[in-house]
Amino acid sequence: MKLFLRTAAITLSMALAGPAAAALAVGSPAPDFSVQTIQGDATAPVQLSELLEAGPVVIFFVPYIGASAAECREFAANIDAFRAAGATVIGMSRDPVEDLARFSANECGGKIPMVSADPSLVNGFNVNDSANFATRTTYVIAPSGEIA
């Protein structure tokens, strides 16, 4: 399962995103967070540590949604495989919640919850590109809370 998740996330990211190295090393602890997700018209509070109790979490950061539709569509197209492996998938961007609501509904088919990543998330996952965007990076977080 873990190998599938890692391979799937890396393959999707590499195929769609071009070069970007994950800033947190494999085995390092992922920063815990509590956020509000938007998925279509629905919002829900989530906390990473609680999600990890159910299985691994795949988080993909995108610079801005205008350049990330293909990536989100690929994650949405493969969501059943991620779920079958017990994984939760969350997309993160610095875009405003209102834009992410439309993006989640239109580009992700309402299948991927999105988060408007604030500076603490972007900096905590070390994906700040110094221009108020997040670098295109995908992490698989093991149930232990470590980067896989």
Protein backbone atom coordinates (compact mmCIF):
# COMPACT_ATOMS: atom_id res chain seq x y z
CA MET A 1 0.00 0.00 0.00
CA LYS A 2 2.67 2.48 1.04
CA LEU A 3 4.67 1.81 -2.10
CA PHE A 4 1.57 2.27 -4.27
CA LEU A 5 0.73 5.62 -2.65
CA ARG A 6 4.25 6.89 -2.91
CA THR A 7 4.59 5.76 -6.52
CA ALA A 8 1.20 7.14 -7.53
CA ALA A 9 1.76 10.52 -5.93
CA ILE A 10 5.26 10.87 -7.30
CA THR A 11 4.23 9.76 -10.77
CA LEU A 12 1.31 12.18 -10.90
CA SER A 13 3.42 15.04 -9.63
CA MET A 14 6.31 14.38 -11.97
CA ALA A 15 4.12 13.88 -15.00
CA LEU A 16 2.15 17.02 -14.43
CA ALA A 17 4.37 19.33 -12.50
CA GLY A 18 7.84 19.22 -13.94
CA PRO A 19 10.84 19.41 -11.65
CA ALA A 20 10.30 20.24 -8.00
CA ALA A 21 11.99 18.56 -5.09
CA ALA A 22 10.15 17.94 -1.88
CA ALA A 23 11.64 20.18 0.73
CA LEU A 24 11.01 17.90 3.71
CA ALA A 25 13.16 14.79 3.75
CA VAL A 26 11.72 11.30 3.85
CA GLY A 27 11.39 10.27 7.49
CA SER A 28 11.07 13.82 8.83
CA PRO A 29 7.94 14.69 10.78
CA ALA A 30 5.18 16.47 8.88
CA PRO A 31 3.90 19.58 10.63
CA ASP A 32 0.47 18.98 12.13
CA PHE A 33 -2.19 21.42 11.05
CA SER A 34 -5.85 22.19 11.52
CA VAL A 35 -7.57 23.78 8.51
CA GLN A 36 -10.88 24.31 6.81
CA THR A 37 -11.22 22.42 3.52
CA ILE A 38 -13.50 23.31 0.65
CA GLN A 39 -14.81 20.59 -1.63
CA GLY A 40 -17.29 21.93 -4.14
CA ASP A 41 -19.76 23.84 -1.98
CA ALA A 42 -19.03 21.94 1.24
CA THR A 43 -16.56 22.97 3.90
CA ALA A 44 -15.13 20.80 6.64
CA PRO A 45 -12.56 21.24 9.38
CA VAL A 46 -9.69 18.76 9.26
CA GLN A 47 -6.64 18.11 11.36
CA LEU A 48 -3.73 16.19 9.93
CA SER A 49 -3.18 14.09 13.04
CA GLU A 50 -6.83 12.95 12.95
CA LEU A 51 -6.68 12.12 9.23
CA LEU A 52 -3.56 10.02 9.84
CA GLU A 53 -5.50 7.82 12.27
CA ALA A 54 -7.41 6.52 9.22
CA GLY A 55 -4.36 6.06 6.97
CA PRO A 56 -1.79 7.93 4.91
CA VAL A 57 -2.41 11.44 3.62
CA VAL A 58 -1.30 12.76 0.23
CA ILE A 59 -0.93 16.54 0.12
CA PHE A 60 -0.21 18.30 -3.13
CA PHE A 61 0.77 21.96 -3.18
CA VAL A 62 0.20 23.99 -6.33
CA PRO A 63 1.44 27.52 -7.05
CA TYR A 64 -1.98 28.81 -8.06
CA ILE A 65 -5.06 27.13 -9.42
CA GLY A 66 -4.90 28.82 -12.82
CA ALA A 67 -1.90 26.67 -13.70
CA SER A 68 -2.94 23.53 -11.85
CA ALA A 69 -6.14 22.22 -13.44
CA ALA A 70 -4.47 19.24 -15.12
CA GLU A 71 -2.83 18.15 -11.88
CA CYS A 72 -6.07 18.30 -9.93
CA ARG A 73 -7.97 16.47 -12.67
CA GLU A 74 -5.39 13.65 -12.54
CA PHE A 75 -5.67 13.34 -8.76
CA ALA A 76 -9.48 13.35 -9.10
CA ALA A 77 -9.36 10.71 -11.85
CA ASN A 78 -7.28 8.48 -9.56
CA ILE A 79 -9.08 9.20 -6.29
CA ASP A 80 -10.66 5.74 -6.13
CA ALA A 81 -7.21 4.10 -6.20
CA PHE A 82 -5.98 6.40 -3.43
CA ARG A 83 -9.08 5.64 -1.35
CA ALA A 84 -8.70 1.89 -1.98
CA ALA A 85 -5.20 2.22 -0.53
CA GLY A 86 -6.69 3.96 2.52
CA ALA A 87 -5.31 7.38 1.64
CA THR A 88 -6.81 10.84 1.94
CA VAL A 89 -5.85 13.38 -0.75
CA ILE A 90 -5.83 17.14 -0.12
CA GLY A 91 -4.82 19.94 -2.47
CA MET A 92 -3.30 23.18 -1.18
CA SER A 93 -2.86 26.54 -2.84
CA ARG A 94 -2.44 30.15 -1.75
CA ASP A 95 -5.60 31.07 -3.67
CA PRO A 96 -8.64 32.49 -1.82
CA VAL A 97 -11.30 30.07 -0.56
CA GLU A 98 -13.93 31.42 -2.99
CA ASP A 99 -11.70 30.60 -5.97
CA LEU A 100 -10.86 27.18 -4.54
CA ALA A 101 -14.56 26.35 -4.17
CA ARG A 102 -15.13 26.91 -7.89
CA PHE A 103 -11.90 25.14 -8.77
CA SER A 104 -12.74 22.09 -6.66
CA ALA A 105 -16.19 21.81 -8.22
CA ASN A 106 -15.20 22.55 -11.83
CA GLU A 107 -11.70 21.13 -12.24
CA CYS A 108 -11.65 18.42 -9.57
CA GLY A 109 -15.20 17.21 -10.08
CA GLY A 110 -15.89 17.90 -6.40
CA LYS A 111 -13.64 14.93 -5.53
CA ILE A 112 -10.63 16.70 -4.01
CA PRO A 113 -10.83 18.88 -0.91
CA MET A 114 -8.77 22.05 -1.29
CA VAL A 115 -7.17 24.28 1.32
CA SER A 116 -6.21 27.93 1.09
CA ALA A 117 -2.70 27.52 2.49
CA ASP A 118 -1.64 30.30 4.79
CA PRO A 119 2.02 31.22 5.37
CA SER A 120 2.33 28.83 8.33
CA LEU A 121 1.41 25.85 6.11
CA VAL A 122 3.56 26.94 3.20
CA ASN A 123 6.53 27.62 5.46
CA GLY A 124 5.92 24.55 7.65
CA PHE A 125 6.09 22.27 4.62
CA ASN A 126 8.97 24.37 3.26
CA VAL A 127 7.28 25.04 -0.08
CA ASN A 128 7.45 28.84 -0.06
CA ASP A 129 8.81 30.10 -3.36
CA SER A 130 9.47 33.61 -1.96
CA ALA A 131 6.85 35.12 -4.27
CA ASN A 132 3.75 34.34 -2.19
CA PHE A 133 3.12 31.09 -4.04
CA ALA A 134 3.69 27.51 -3.04
CA THR A 135 6.12 25.44 -5.06
CA ARG A 136 4.56 22.49 -6.87
CA THR A 137 5.28 19.70 -4.38
CA THR A 138 3.55 16.51 -3.32
CA TYR A 139 4.04 14.75 0.01
CA VAL A 140 2.88 11.34 1.13
CA ILE A 141 2.55 11.34 4.91
CA ALA A 142 2.59 7.97 6.62
CA PRO A 143 0.18 7.23 9.49
CA SER A 144 3.19 7.71 11.80
CA GLY A 145 3.20 11.40 10.80
CA GLU A 146 6.46 11.09 8.90
CA ILE A 147 7.10 12.02 5.29
CA ALA A 148 7.11 8.76 3.30
